[in-house]
Amino acid sequence: MRKQKGATFLSWVAGAGLITFMFVTAVKLIPLYLEFYAVRSMVDDIAMEPDMAHASKQQIKGKINDYLNINGLYTLSADAFSVEQVQGKKNVRALEVNYEVRKHWMANIEFLTTFKYSAELGKAGDT
C-alpha cells in the first residue's frame, strides 16, 4: 500500500492565509518606512547646508516647509520638527524629527509607528 504525498486542503488554506497575512502587513507598513526614509534624507539635506548652522528657527521651519511641499509629504507638518541644542557640544544645534503614524490594518486593529531622527546643523560646513 502506498502512502499519499502532498499537502491537505487545510494545509493549503493555512499557507494561503499566512501568505495573505504577510502581504497585507507589508503593503501597510512599507509605505510608512519609505516616507520616513524620505524625511530622514530631507533632514540630512537641510542639516548639510552650511548656512543652517546659524539660521534662525523661522528660517529652518521655512526650509522644512519647502522640502515637505517639494517632496509631497503632506501628511507631515513642520510641527514634527524641532531645533535643539546638542548635549555636550557648545554652540551646536541639531534638527530633530519626531512623529507617530497610525495606520489601519484589519478590522479594529491599527499599527502605531513612531519615528525619530536627528542631524547636526551645518555639519558639512565644519569639514
PDB file of N, CA and C in Angstrom:
ATOM      1  N   MET A   1       0.827  -1.161   0.000  1.00  0.00           N
ATOM      2  CA  MET A   1       0.000   0.000   0.000  1.00  0.00           C
ATOM      3  C   MET A   1       0.891   1.251   0.000  1.00  0.00           C
ATOM      4  N   ARG A   2       0.550   2.223  -0.860  1.00  0.00           N
ATOM      5  CA  ARG A   2       1.338   3.438  -0.978  1.00  0.00           C
ATOM      6  C   ARG A   2       0.781   4.531  -0.085  1.00  0.00           C
ATOM      7  N   LYS A   3       1.704   5.327   0.462  1.00  0.00           N
ATOM      8  CA  LYS A   3       1.291   6.478   1.258  1.00  0.00           C
ATOM      9  C   LYS A   3       1.087   7.671   0.332  1.00  0.00           C
ATOM     10  N   GLN A   4       0.089   8.446   0.605  1.00  0.00           N
ATOM     11  CA  GLN A   4      -0.136   9.645  -0.186  1.00  0.00           C
ATOM     12  C   GLN A   4       0.855  10.724   0.219  1.00  0.00           C
ATOM     13  N   LYS A   5       1.257  11.518  -0.765  1.00  0.00           N
ATOM     14  CA  LYS A   5       2.198  12.612  -0.514  1.00  0.00           C
ATOM     15  C   LYS A   5       1.530  13.916  -0.913  1.00  0.00           C
ATOM     16  N   GLY A   6       1.914  14.990  -0.237  1.00  0.00           N
ATOM     17  CA  GLY A   6       1.372  16.303  -0.566  1.00  0.00           C
ATOM     18  C   GLY A   6       0.649  16.912   0.618  1.00  0.00           C
ATOM     19  N   ALA A   7       0.219  18.134   0.400  1.00  0.00           N
ATOM     20  CA  ALA A   7      -0.455  18.875   1.466  1.00  0.00           C
ATOM     21  C   ALA A   7      -1.959  18.660   1.390  1.00  0.00           C
ATOM     22  N   THR A   8      -2.577  18.688   2.534  1.00  0.00           N
ATOM     23  CA  THR A   8      -4.027  18.563   2.582  1.00  0.00           C
ATOM     24  C   THR A   8      -4.660  19.919   2.259  1.00  0.00           C
ATOM     25  N   PHE A   9      -5.957  19.915   2.103  1.00  0.00           N
ATOM     26  CA  PHE A   9      -6.679  21.153   1.815  1.00  0.00           C
ATOM     27  C   PHE A   9      -6.478  22.171   2.933  1.00  0.00           C
ATOM     28  N   LEU A  10      -6.536  21.722   4.181  1.00  0.00           N
ATOM     29  CA  LEU A  10      -6.344  22.632   5.305  1.00  0.00           C
ATOM     30  C   LEU A  10      -4.930  23.210   5.332  1.00  0.00           C
ATOM     31  N   SER A  11      -3.951  22.434   4.935  1.00  0.00           N
ATOM     32  CA  SER A  11      -2.583  22.945   4.861  1.00  0.00           C
ATOM     33  C   SER A  11      -2.482  24.035   3.804  1.00  0.00           C
ATOM     34  N   TRP A  12      -3.143  23.836   2.649  1.00  0.00           N
ATOM     35  CA  TRP A  12      -3.128  24.848   1.592  1.00  0.00           C
ATOM     36  C   TRP A  12      -3.831  26.130   2.053  1.00  0.00           C
ATOM     37  N   VAL A  13      -4.938  25.998   2.732  1.00  0.00           N
ATOM     38  CA  VAL A  13      -5.673  27.168   3.223  1.00  0.00           C
ATOM     39  C   VAL A  13      -4.843  27.897   4.277  1.00  0.00           C
ATOM     40  N   ALA A  14      -4.219  27.170   5.181  1.00  0.00           N
ATOM     41  CA  ALA A  14      -3.377  27.789   6.209  1.00  0.00           C
ATOM     42  C   ALA A  14      -2.190  28.500   5.560  1.00  0.00           C
ATOM     43  N   GLY A  15      -1.561  27.887   4.581  1.00  0.00           N
ATOM     44  CA  GLY A  15      -0.439  28.507   3.875  1.00  0.00           C
ATOM     45  C   GLY A  15      -0.868  29.760   3.121  1.00  0.00           C
ATOM     46  N   ALA A  16      -2.014  29.694   2.453  1.00  0.00           N
ATOM     47  CA  ALA A  16      -2.521  30.866   1.730  1.00  0.00           C
ATOM     48  C   ALA A  16      -2.891  31.978   2.704  1.00  0.00           C
ATOM     49  N   GLY A  17      -3.443  31.618   3.841  1.00  0.00           N
ATOM     50  CA  GLY A  17      -3.778  32.616   4.864  1.00  0.00           C
ATOM     51  C   GLY A  17      -2.539  33.300   5.405  1.00  0.00           C
ATOM     52  N   LEU A  18      -1.490  32.522   5.643  1.00  0.00           N
ATOM     53  CA  LEU A  18      -0.242  33.084   6.147  1.00  0.00           C
ATOM     54  C   LEU A  18       0.384  34.028   5.117  1.00  0.00           C
ATOM     55  N   ILE A  19       0.388  33.625   3.869  1.00  0.00           N
ATOM     56  CA  ILE A  19       0.940  34.468   2.804  1.00  0.00           C
ATOM     57  C   ILE A  19       0.121  35.754   2.672  1.00  0.00           C
ATOM     58  N   THR A  20      -1.200  35.654   2.736  1.00  0.00           N
ATOM     59  CA  THR A  20      -2.065  36.833   2.666  1.00  0.00           C
ATOM     60  C   THR A  20      -1.810  37.766   3.850  1.00  0.00           C
ATOM     61  N   PHE A  21      -1.667  37.190   5.034  1.00  0.00           N
ATOM     62  CA  PHE A  21      -1.370  37.954   6.242  1.00  0.00           C
ATOM     63  C   PHE A  21      -0.075  38.746   6.077  1.00  0.00           C
ATOM     64  N   MET A  22       0.972  38.088   5.609  1.00  0.00           N
ATOM     65  CA  MET A  22       2.262  38.756   5.425  1.00  0.00           C
ATOM     66  C   MET A  22       2.185  39.819   4.327  1.00  0.00           C
ATOM     67  N   PHE A  23       1.453  39.551   3.257  1.00  0.00           N
ATOM     68  CA  PHE A  23       1.317  40.507   2.155  1.00  0.00           C
ATOM     69  C   PHE A  23       0.586  41.763   2.609  1.00  0.00           C
ATOM     70  N   VAL A  24      -0.519  41.610   3.307  1.00  0.00           N
ATOM     71  CA  VAL A  24      -1.290  42.766   3.782  1.00  0.00           C
ATOM     72  C   VAL A  24      -0.456  43.592   4.758  1.00  0.00           C
ATOM     73  N   THR A  25       0.271  42.932   5.631  1.00  0.00           N
ATOM     74  CA  THR A  25       1.125  43.639   6.587  1.00  0.00           C
ATOM     75  C   THR A  25       2.210  44.424   5.853  1.00  0.00           C
ATOM     76  N   ALA A  26       2.849  43.835   4.874  1.00  0.00           N
ATOM     77  CA  ALA A  26       3.901  44.510   4.111  1.00  0.00           C
ATOM     78  C   ALA A  26       3.341  45.696   3.332  1.00  0.00           C
ATOM     79  N   VAL A  27       2.169  45.517   2.724  1.00  0.00           N
ATOM     80  CA  VAL A  27       1.556  46.598   1.943  1.00  0.00           C
ATOM     81  C   VAL A  27       1.211  47.788   2.841  1.00  0.00           C
ATOM     82  N   LYS A  28       0.865  47.539   4.077  1.00  0.00           N
ATOM     83  CA  LYS A  28       0.524  48.621   5.002  1.00  0.00           C
ATOM     84  C   LYS A  28       1.758  49.292   5.604  1.00  0.00           C
ATOM     85  N   LEU A  29       2.823  48.533   5.883  1.00  0.00           N
ATOM     86  CA  LEU A  29       3.978  49.089   6.591  1.00  0.00           C
ATOM     87  C   LEU A  29       5.053  49.674   5.683  1.00  0.00           C
ATOM     88  N   ILE A  30       5.274  49.103   4.519  1.00  0.00           N
ATOM     89  CA  ILE A  30       6.365  49.556   3.655  1.00  0.00           C
ATOM     90  C   ILE A  30       6.236  51.038   3.298  1.00  0.00           C
ATOM     91  N   PRO A  31       5.048  51.560   2.931  1.00  0.00           N
ATOM     92  CA  PRO A  31       4.967  52.999   2.632  1.00  0.00           C
ATOM     93  C   PRO A  31       5.332  53.901   3.813  1.00  0.00           C
ATOM     94  N   LEU A  32       5.050  53.460   5.029  1.00  0.00           N
ATOM     95  CA  LEU A  32       5.407  54.260   6.200  1.00  0.00           C
ATOM     96  C   LEU A  32       6.920  54.406   6.320  1.00  0.00           C
ATOM     97  N   TYR A  33       7.631  53.316   6.101  1.00  0.00           N
ATOM     98  CA  TYR A  33       9.088  53.363   6.204  1.00  0.00           C
ATOM     99  C   TYR A  33       9.704  54.089   5.020  1.00  0.00           C
ATOM    100  N   LEU A  34       9.125  53.982   3.838  1.00  0.00           N
ATOM    101  CA  LEU A  34       9.621  54.748   2.697  1.00  0.00           C
ATOM    102  C   LEU A  34       9.458  56.245   2.940  1.00  0.00           C
ATOM    103  N   GLU A  35       8.329  56.628   3.537  1.00  0.00           N
ATOM    104  CA  GLU A  35       8.122  58.033   3.880  1.00  0.00           C
ATOM    105  C   GLU A  35       9.156  58.482   4.910  1.00  0.00           C
ATOM    106  N   PHE A  36       9.429  57.647   5.907  1.00  0.00           N
ATOM    107  CA  PHE A  36      10.427  58.009   6.916  1.00  0.00           C
ATOM    108  C   PHE A  36      11.804  58.169   6.301  1.00  0.00           C
ATOM    109  N   TYR A  37      12.175  57.302   5.362  1.00  0.00           N
ATOM    110  CA  TYR A  37      13.478  57.446   4.717  1.00  0.00           C
ATOM    111  C   TYR A  37      13.549  58.731   3.899  1.00  0.00           C
ATOM    112  N   ALA A  38      12.435  59.160   3.306  1.00  0.00           N
ATOM    113  CA  ALA A  38      12.399  60.442   2.600  1.00  0.00           C
ATOM    114  C   ALA A  38      12.562  61.593   3.592  1.00  0.00           C
ATOM    115  N   VAL A  39      11.910  61.502   4.749  1.00  0.00           N
ATOM    116  CA  VAL A  39      12.031  62.535   5.782  1.00  0.00           C
ATOM    117  C   VAL A  39      13.458  62.565   6.320  1.00  0.00           C
ATOM    118  N   ARG A  40      14.036  61.406   6.538  1.00  0.00           N
ATOM    119  CA  ARG A  40      15.410  61.337   7.033  1.00  0.00           C
ATOM    120  C   ARG A  40      16.395  61.955   6.046  1.00  0.00           C
ATOM    121  N   SER A  41      16.192  61.674   4.773  1.00  0.00           N
ATOM    122  CA  SER A  41      17.034  62.264   3.734  1.00  0.00           C
ATOM    123  C   SER A  41      16.861  63.778   3.697  1.00  0.00           C
ATOM    124  N   MET A  42      15.626  64.239   3.888  1.00  0.00           N
ATOM    125  CA  MET A  42      15.357  65.669   3.914  1.00  0.00           C
ATOM    126  C   MET A  42      16.074  66.337   5.084  1.00  0.00           C
ATOM    127  N   VAL A  43      16.019  65.719   6.255  1.00  0.00           N
ATOM    128  CA  VAL A  43      16.699  66.271   7.438  1.00  0.00           C
ATOM    129  C   VAL A  43      18.208  66.333   7.179  1.00  0.00           C
ATOM    130  N   ASP A  44      18.764  65.289   6.592  1.00  0.00           N
ATOM    131  CA  ASP A  44      20.199  65.298   6.274  1.00  0.00           C
ATOM    132  C   ASP A  44      20.546  66.399   5.276  1.00  0.00           C
ATOM    133  N   ASP A  45      19.709  66.584   4.251  1.00  0.00           N
ATOM    134  CA  ASP A  45      19.959  67.625   3.247  1.00  0.00           C
ATOM    135  C   ASP A  45      19.931  69.020   3.869  1.00  0.00           C
ATOM    136  N   ILE A  46      18.945  69.258   4.723  1.00  0.00           N
ATOM    137  CA  ILE A  46      18.854  70.561   5.384  1.00  0.00           C
ATOM    138  C   ILE A  46      20.034  70.758   6.329  1.00  0.00           C
ATOM    139  N   ALA A  47      20.383  69.727   7.078  1.00  0.00           N
ATOM    140  CA  ALA A  47      21.471  69.836   8.056  1.00  0.00           C
ATOM    141  C   ALA A  47      22.823  70.025   7.379  1.00  0.00           C
ATOM    142  N   MET A  48      22.984  69.527   6.168  1.00  0.00           N
ATOM    143  CA  MET A  48      24.277  69.631   5.477  1.00  0.00           C
ATOM    144  C   MET A  48      24.528  71.017   4.888  1.00  0.00           C
ATOM    145  N   GLU A  49      23.511  71.847   4.787  1.00  0.00           N
ATOM    146  CA  GLU A  49      23.710  73.190   4.273  1.00  0.00           C
ATOM    147  C   GLU A  49      24.485  74.010   5.302  1.00  0.00           C
ATOM    148  N   PRO A  50      25.618  74.594   4.911  1.00  0.00           N
ATOM    149  CA  PRO A  50      26.475  75.297   5.883  1.00  0.00           C
ATOM    150  C   PRO A  50      25.804  76.488   6.556  1.00  0.00           C
ATOM    151  N   ASP A  51      24.912  77.189   5.853  1.00  0.00           N
ATOM    152  CA  ASP A  51      24.290  78.367   6.448  1.00  0.00           C
ATOM    153  C   ASP A  51      23.198  78.013   7.449  1.00  0.00           C
ATOM    154  N   MET A  52      22.820  76.755   7.560  1.00  0.00           N
ATOM    155  CA  MET A  52      21.784  76.344   8.513  1.00  0.00           C
ATOM    156  C   MET A  52      22.301  76.318   9.946  1.00  0.00           C
ATOM    157  N   ALA A  53      23.613  76.269  10.134  1.00  0.00           N
ATOM    158  CA  ALA A  53      24.176  76.231  11.489  1.00  0.00           C
ATOM    159  C   ALA A  53      23.844  77.498  12.265  1.00  0.00           C
ATOM    160  N   HIS A  54      23.726  78.624  11.558  1.00  0.00           N
ATOM    161  CA  HIS A  54      23.470  79.896  12.233  1.00  0.00           C
ATOM    162  C   HIS A  54      22.122  80.487  11.832  1.00  0.00           C
ATOM    163  N   ALA A  55      21.275  79.697  11.183  1.00  0.00           N
ATOM    164  CA  ALA A  55      19.957  80.179  10.760  1.00  0.00           C
ATOM    165  C   ALA A  55      19.009  80.234  11.949  1.00  0.00           C
ATOM    166  N   SER A  56      18.034  81.124  11.852  1.00  0.00           N
ATOM    167  CA  SER A  56      17.029  81.214  12.913  1.00  0.00           C
ATOM    168  C   SER A  56      16.048  80.050  12.777  1.00  0.00           C
ATOM    169  N   LYS A  57      15.270  79.850  13.833  1.00  0.00           N
ATOM    170  CA  LYS A  57      14.291  78.760  13.799  1.00  0.00           C
ATOM    171  C   LYS A  57      13.246  78.991  12.714  1.00  0.00           C
ATOM    172  N   GLN A  58      12.877  80.252  12.466  1.00  0.00           N
ATOM    173  CA  GLN A  58      11.912  80.557  11.412  1.00  0.00           C
ATOM    174  C   GLN A  58      12.469  80.216  10.033  1.00  0.00           C
ATOM    175  N   GLN A  59      13.738  80.507   9.802  1.00  0.00           N
ATOM    176  CA  GLN A  59      14.356  80.171   8.521  1.00  0.00           C
ATOM    177  C   GLN A  59      14.399  78.655   8.324  1.00  0.00           C
ATOM    178  N   ILE A  60      14.706  77.950   9.379  1.00  0.00           N
ATOM    179  CA  ILE A  60      14.766  76.489   9.298  1.00  0.00           C
ATOM    180  C   ILE A  60      13.377  75.919   9.048  1.00  0.00           C
ATOM    181  N   LYS A  61      12.362  76.437   9.756  1.00  0.00           N
ATOM    182  CA  LYS A  61      10.981  75.980   9.531  1.00  0.00           C
ATOM    183  C   LYS A  61      10.536  76.273   8.102  1.00  0.00           C
ATOM    184  N   GLY A  62      10.941  77.421   7.558  1.00  0.00           N
ATOM    185  CA  GLY A  62      10.615  77.746   6.167  1.00  0.00           C
ATOM    186  C   GLY A  62      11.249  76.764   5.199  1.00  0.00           C
ATOM    187  N   LYS A  63      12.491  76.401   5.464  1.00  0.00           N
ATOM    188  CA  LYS A  63      13.188  75.426   4.624  1.00  0.00           C
ATOM    189  C   LYS A  63      12.521  74.059   4.722  1.00  0.00           C
ATOM    190  N   ILE A  64      12.094  73.694   5.925  1.00  0.00           N
ATOM    191  CA  ILE A  64      11.401  72.417   6.127  1.00  0.00           C
ATOM    192  C   ILE A  64      10.093  72.402   5.338  1.00  0.00           C
ATOM    193  N   ASN A  65       9.318  73.481   5.423  1.00  0.00           N
ATOM    194  CA  ASN A  65       8.062  73.560   4.665  1.00  0.00           C
ATOM    195  C   ASN A  65       8.305  73.446   3.171  1.00  0.00           C
ATOM    196  N   ASP A  66       9.365  74.091   2.683  1.00  0.00           N
ATOM    197  CA  ASP A  66       9.704  73.992   1.256  1.00  0.00           C
ATOM    198  C   ASP A  66       9.983  72.542   0.869  1.00  0.00           C
ATOM    199  N   TYR A  67      10.792  71.861   1.662  1.00  0.00           N
ATOM    200  CA  TYR A  67      11.131  70.472   1.371  1.00  0.00           C
ATOM    201  C   TYR A  67       9.897  69.568   1.447  1.00  0.00           C
ATOM    202  N   LEU A  68       9.040  69.798   2.443  1.00  0.00           N
ATOM    203  CA  LEU A  68       7.833  68.975   2.579  1.00  0.00           C
ATOM    204  C   LEU A  68       6.927  69.146   1.363  1.00  0.00           C
ATOM    205  N   ASN A  69       6.773  70.388   0.890  1.00  0.00           N
ATOM    206  CA  ASN A  69       5.929  70.632  -0.284  1.00  0.00           C
ATOM    207  C   ASN A  69       6.538  70.054  -1.553  1.00  0.00           C
ATOM    208  N   ILE A  70       7.835  70.201  -1.726  1.00  0.00           N
ATOM    209  CA  ILE A  70       8.502  69.687  -2.924  1.00  0.00           C
ATOM    210  C   ILE A  70       8.417  68.168  -2.981  1.00  0.00           C
ATOM    211  N   ASN A  71       8.608  67.508  -1.838  1.00  0.00           N
ATOM    212  CA  ASN A  71       8.609  66.049  -1.798  1.00  0.00           C
ATOM    213  C   ASN A  71       7.224  65.447  -1.661  1.00  0.00           C
ATOM    214  N   GLY A  72       6.197  66.282  -1.540  1.00  0.00           N
ATOM    215  CA  GLY A  72       4.826  65.777  -1.441  1.00  0.00           C
ATOM    216  C   GLY A  72       4.519  65.072  -0.136  1.00  0.00           C
ATOM    217  N   LEU A  73       5.178  65.458   0.918  1.00  0.00           N
ATOM    218  CA  LEU A  73       4.943  64.856   2.232  1.00  0.00           C
ATOM    219  C   LEU A  73       3.893  65.679   2.962  1.00  0.00           C
ATOM    220  N   TYR A  74       2.654  65.611   2.488  1.00  0.00           N
ATOM    221  CA  TYR A  74       1.586  66.440   3.012  1.00  0.00           C
ATOM    222  C   TYR A  74       1.026  65.921   4.328  1.00  0.00           C
ATOM    223  N   THR A  75       1.301  64.676   4.674  1.00  0.00           N
ATOM    224  CA  THR A  75       0.790  64.122   5.924  1.00  0.00           C
ATOM    225  C   THR A  75       1.604  64.598   7.128  1.00  0.00           C
ATOM    226  N   LEU A  76       2.772  65.161   6.865  1.00  0.00           N
ATOM    227  CA  LEU A  76       3.669  65.605   7.926  1.00  0.00           C
ATOM    228  C   LEU A  76       3.655  67.126   7.970  1.00  0.00           C
ATOM    229  N   SER A  77       3.691  67.691   9.166  1.00  0.00           N
ATOM    230  CA  SER A  77       3.737  69.145   9.290  1.00  0.00           C
ATOM    231  C   SER A  77       5.081  69.562   9.872  1.00  0.00           C
ATOM    232  N   ALA A  78       5.364  70.850   9.756  1.00  0.00           N
ATOM    233  CA  ALA A  78       6.622  71.368  10.294  1.00  0.00           C
ATOM    234  C   ALA A  78       6.659  71.296  11.816  1.00  0.00           C
ATOM    235  N   ASP A  79       5.514  71.071  12.455  1.00  0.00           N
ATOM    236  CA  ASP A  79       5.470  70.949  13.916  1.00  0.00           C
ATOM    237  C   ASP A  79       6.177  69.692  14.419  1.00  0.00           C
ATOM    238  N   ALA A  80       6.357  68.708  13.557  1.00  0.00           N
ATOM    239  CA  ALA A  80       7.044  67.477  13.948  1.00  0.00           C
ATOM    240  C   ALA A  80       8.549  67.688  14.063  1.00  0.00           C
ATOM    241  N   PHE A  81       9.033  68.827  13.575  1.00  0.00           N
ATOM    242  CA  PHE A  81      10.460  69.123  13.578  1.00  0.00           C
ATOM    243  C   PHE A  81      10.780  70.115  14.684  1.00  0.00           C
ATOM    244  N   SER A  82      11.969  69.973  15.240  1.00  0.00           N
ATOM    245  CA  SER A  82      12.422  70.933  16.253  1.00  0.00           C
ATOM    246  C   SER A  82      13.926  71.116  16.124  1.00  0.00           C
ATOM    247  N   VAL A  83      14.382  72.256  16.601  1.00  0.00           N
ATOM    248  CA  VAL A  83      15.813  72.554  16.624  1.00  0.00           C
ATOM    249  C   VAL A  83      16.224  72.577  18.084  1.00  0.00           C
ATOM    250  N   GLU A  84      17.145  71.694  18.442  1.00  0.00           N
ATOM    251  CA  GLU A  84      17.559  71.556  19.842  1.00  0.00           C
ATOM    252  C   GLU A  84      19.075  71.683  19.957  1.00  0.00           C
ATOM    253  N   GLN A  85      19.514  72.093  21.119  1.00  0.00           N
ATOM    254  CA  GLN A  85      20.946  72.168  21.423  1.00  0.00           C
ATOM    255  C   GLN A  85      21.480  70.754  21.634  1.00  0.00           C
ATOM    256  N   VAL A  86      22.621  70.450  21.034  1.00  0.00           N
ATOM    257  CA  VAL A  86      23.236  69.136  21.204  1.00  0.00           C
ATOM    258  C   VAL A  86      23.911  69.089  22.568  1.00  0.00           C
ATOM    259  N   GLN A  87      23.598  68.066  23.345  1.00  0.00           N
ATOM    260  CA  GLN A  87      24.172  67.945  24.687  1.00  0.00           C
ATOM    261  C   GLN A  87      25.664  67.660  24.591  1.00  0.00           C
ATOM    262  N   GLY A  88      26.430  68.352  25.397  1.00  0.00           N
ATOM    263  CA  GLY A  88      27.860  68.122  25.455  1.00  0.00           C
ATOM    264  C   GLY A  88      28.649  68.894  24.409  1.00  0.00           C
ATOM    265  N   LYS A  89      27.974  69.601  23.518  1.00  0.00           N
ATOM    266  CA  LYS A  89      28.667  70.388  22.493  1.00  0.00           C
ATOM    267  C   LYS A  89      28.155  71.823  22.556  1.00  0.00           C
ATOM    268  N   LYS A  90      29.090  72.742  22.670  1.00  0.00           N
ATOM    269  CA  LYS A  90      28.719  74.143  22.784  1.00  0.00           C
ATOM    270  C   LYS A  90      28.462  74.724  21.396  1.00  0.00           C
ATOM    271  N   ASN A  91      27.409  75.501  21.281  1.00  0.00           N
ATOM    272  CA  ASN A  91      27.026  76.182  20.038  1.00  0.00           C
ATOM    273  C   ASN A  91      26.775  75.234  18.877  1.00  0.00           C
ATOM    274  N   VAL A  92      26.327  74.020  19.165  1.00  0.00           N
ATOM    275  CA  VAL A  92      25.971  73.072  18.111  1.00  0.00           C
ATOM    276  C   VAL A  92      24.498  72.714  18.290  1.00  0.00           C
ATOM    277  N   ARG A  93      23.738  72.908  17.209  1.00  0.00           N
ATOM    278  CA  ARG A  93      22.314  72.592  17.242  1.00  0.00           C
ATOM    279  C   ARG A  93      22.032  71.423  16.301  1.00  0.00           C
ATOM    280  N   ALA A  94      20.930  70.757  16.577  1.00  0.00           N
ATOM    281  CA  ALA A  94      20.528  69.617  15.752  1.00  0.00           C
ATOM    282  C   ALA A  94      19.082  69.800  15.317  1.00  0.00           C
ATOM    283  N   LEU A  95      18.795  69.362  14.106  1.00  0.00           N
ATOM    284  CA  LEU A  95      17.429  69.339  13.603  1.00  0.00           C
ATOM    285  C   LEU A  95      16.870  67.961  13.902  1.00  0.00           C
ATOM    286  N   GLU A  96      15.775  67.926  14.653  1.00  0.00           N
ATOM    287  CA  GLU A  96      15.177  66.660  15.065  1.00  0.00           C
ATOM    288  C   GLU A  96      13.786  66.516  14.485  1.00  0.00           C
ATOM    289  N   VAL A  97      13.448  65.297  14.125  1.00  0.00           N
ATOM    290  CA  VAL A  97      12.081  64.998  13.711  1.00  0.00           C
ATOM    291  C   VAL A  97      11.592  63.860  14.589  1.00  0.00           C
ATOM    292  N   ASN A  98      10.366  64.012  15.082  1.00  0.00           N
ATOM    293  CA  ASN A  98       9.784  63.015  15.971  1.00  0.00           C
ATOM    294  C   ASN A  98       8.279  62.999  15.692  1.00  0.00           C
ATOM    295  N   TYR A  99       7.793  61.898  15.127  1.00  0.00           N
ATOM    296  CA  TYR A  99       6.369  61.828  14.816  1.00  0.00           C
ATOM    297  C   TYR A  99       5.869  60.397  14.879  1.00  0.00           C
ATOM    298  N   GLU A 100       4.546  60.280  14.993  1.00  0.00           N
ATOM    299  CA  GLU A 100       3.878  58.981  15.043  1.00  0.00           C
ATOM    300  C   GLU A 100       2.906  58.881  13.880  1.00  0.00           C
ATOM    301  N   VAL A 101       2.735  57.664  13.391  1.00  0.00           N
ATOM    302  CA  VAL A 101       1.773  57.415  12.322  1.00  0.00           C
ATOM    303  C   VAL A 101       0.901  56.248  12.738  1.00  0.00           C
ATOM    304  N   ARG A 102      -0.404  56.459  12.659  1.00  0.00           N
ATOM    305  CA  ARG A 102      -1.366  55.376  12.885  1.00  0.00           C
ATOM    306  C   ARG A 102      -1.837  54.896  11.523  1.00  0.00           C
ATOM    307  N   LYS A 103      -1.775  53.601  11.317  1.00  0.00           N
ATOM    308  CA  LYS A 103      -2.201  53.027  10.047  1.00  0.00           C
ATOM    309  C   LYS A 103      -3.179  51.903  10.327  1.00  0.00           C
ATOM    310  N   HIS A 104      -4.362  52.024   9.745  1.00  0.00           N
ATOM    311  CA  HIS A 104      -5.369  50.981   9.893  1.00  0.00           C
ATOM    312  C   HIS A 104      -4.850  49.696   9.269  1.00  0.00           C
ATOM    313  N   TRP A 105      -5.058  48.584   9.952  1.00  0.00           N
ATOM    314  CA  TRP A 105      -4.575  47.311   9.429  1.00  0.00           C
ATOM    315  C   TRP A 105      -5.746  46.426   9.040  1.00  0.00           C
ATOM    316  N   MET A 106      -6.409  45.841   9.990  1.00  0.00           N
ATOM    317  CA  MET A 106      -7.576  44.993   9.735  1.00  0.00           C
ATOM    318  C   MET A 106      -8.583  45.191  10.857  1.00  0.00           C
ATOM    319  N   ALA A 107      -9.850  45.177  10.488  1.00  0.00           N
ATOM    320  CA  ALA A 107     -10.951  45.295  11.450  1.00  0.00           C
ATOM    321  C   ALA A 107     -10.715  46.499  12.359  1.00  0.00           C
ATOM    322  N   ASN A 108     -10.525  46.284  13.649  1.00  0.00           N
ATOM    323  CA  ASN A 108     -10.284  47.394  14.567  1.00  0.00           C
ATOM    324  C   ASN A 108      -8.842  47.404  15.072  1.00  0.00           C
ATOM    325  N   ILE A 109      -7.933  46.873  14.290  1.00  0.00           N
ATOM    326  CA  ILE A 109      -6.524  46.804  14.672  1.00  0.00           C
ATOM    327  C   ILE A 109      -5.749  47.830  13.849  1.00  0.00           C
ATOM    328  N   GLU A 110      -4.897  48.593  14.537  1.00  0.00           N
ATOM    329  CA  GLU A 110      -4.077  49.603  13.880  1.00  0.00           C
ATOM    330  C   GLU A 110      -2.619  49.406  14.250  1.00  0.00           C
ATOM    331  N   PHE A 111      -1.743  49.855  13.355  1.00  0.00           N
ATOM    332  CA  PHE A 111      -0.320  49.940  13.655  1.00  0.00           C
ATOM    333  C   PHE A 111      -0.042  51.343  14.160  1.00  0.00           C
ATOM    334  N   LEU A 112       0.749  51.476  15.197  1.00  0.00           N
ATOM    335  CA  LEU A 112       1.227  52.767  15.663  1.00  0.00           C
ATOM    336  C   LEU A 112       2.744  52.732  15.539  1.00  0.00           C
ATOM    337  N   THR A 113       3.259  53.494  14.597  1.00  0.00           N
ATOM    338  CA  THR A 113       4.701  53.519  14.379  1.00  0.00           C
ATOM    339  C   THR A 113       5.242  54.871  14.814  1.00  0.00           C
ATOM    340  N   THR A 114       6.352  54.855  15.499  1.00  0.00           N
ATOM    341  CA  THR A 114       6.995  56.067  15.984  1.00  0.00           C
ATOM    342  C   THR A 114       8.340  56.210  15.294  1.00  0.00           C
ATOM    343  N   PHE A 115       8.576  57.391  14.744  1.00  0.00           N
ATOM    344  CA  PHE A 115       9.821  57.655  14.037  1.00  0.00           C
ATOM    345  C   PHE A 115      10.535  58.827  14.695  1.00  0.00           C
ATOM    346  N   LYS A 116      11.847  58.696  14.859  1.00  0.00           N
ATOM    347  CA  LYS A 116      12.653  59.746  15.465  1.00  0.00           C
ATOM    348  C   LYS A 116      14.020  59.750  14.788  1.00  0.00           C
ATOM    349  N   TYR A 117      14.485  60.958  14.450  1.00  0.00           N
ATOM    350  CA  TYR A 117      15.795  61.088  13.805  1.00  0.00           C
ATOM    351  C   TYR A 117      16.313  62.495  14.048  1.00  0.00           C
ATOM    352  N   SER A 118      17.622  62.653  14.124  1.00  0.00           N
ATOM    353  CA  SER A 118      18.203  63.994  14.269  1.00  0.00           C
ATOM    354  C   SER A 118      19.545  64.058  13.546  1.00  0.00           C
ATOM    355  N   ALA A 119      19.905  65.271  13.145  1.00  0.00           N
ATOM    356  CA  ALA A 119      21.183  65.510  12.482  1.00  0.00           C
ATOM    357  C   ALA A 119      21.690  66.889  12.898  1.00  0.00           C
ATOM    358  N   GLU A 120      23.002  67.003  13.070  1.00  0.00           N
ATOM    359  CA  GLU A 120      23.599  68.274  13.462  1.00  0.00           C
ATOM    360  C   GLU A 120      23.514  69.266  12.313  1.00  0.00           C
ATOM    361  N   LEU A 121      23.135  70.494  12.635  1.00  0.00           N
ATOM    362  CA  LEU A 121      23.005  71.525  11.611  1.00  0.00           C
ATOM    363  C   LEU A 121      24.362  72.057  11.195  1.00  0.00           C
ATOM    364  N   GLY A 122      24.538  72.293   9.902  1.00  0.00           N
ATOM    365  CA  GLY A 122      25.768  72.860   9.375  1.00  0.00           C
ATOM    366  C   GLY A 122      26.950  71.935   9.421  1.00  0.00           C
ATOM    367  N   LYS A 123      26.702  70.640   9.484  1.00  0.00           N
ATOM    368  CA  LYS A 123      27.790  69.679   9.619  1.00  0.00           C
ATOM    369  C   LYS A 123      28.731  69.714   8.416  1.00  0.00           C
ATOM    370  N   ALA A 124      28.195  69.963   7.221  1.00  0.00           N
ATOM    371  CA  ALA A 124      29.020  69.980   6.018  1.00  0.00           C
ATOM    372  C   ALA A 124      29.970  71.185   6.042  1.00  0.00           C
ATOM    373  N   GLY A 125      29.566  72.281   6.692  1.00  0.00           N
ATOM    374  CA  GLY A 125      30.416  73.465   6.745  1.00  0.00           C
ATOM    375  C   GLY A 125      31.597  73.300   7.680  1.00  0.00           C
ATOM    376  N   ASP A 126      31.559  72.319   8.564  1.00  0.00           N
ATOM    377  CA  ASP A 126      32.649  72.115   9.536  1.00  0.00           C
ATOM    378  C   ASP A 126      33.820  71.352   8.940  1.00  0.00           C
ATOM    379  N   THR A 127      33.588  70.569   7.875  1.00  0.00           N
ATOM    380  CA  THR A 127      34.657  69.717   7.344  1.00  0.00           C
ATOM    381  C   THR A 127      35.529  70.438   6.377  1.00  0.00           C
TER     382      THR A 127
END
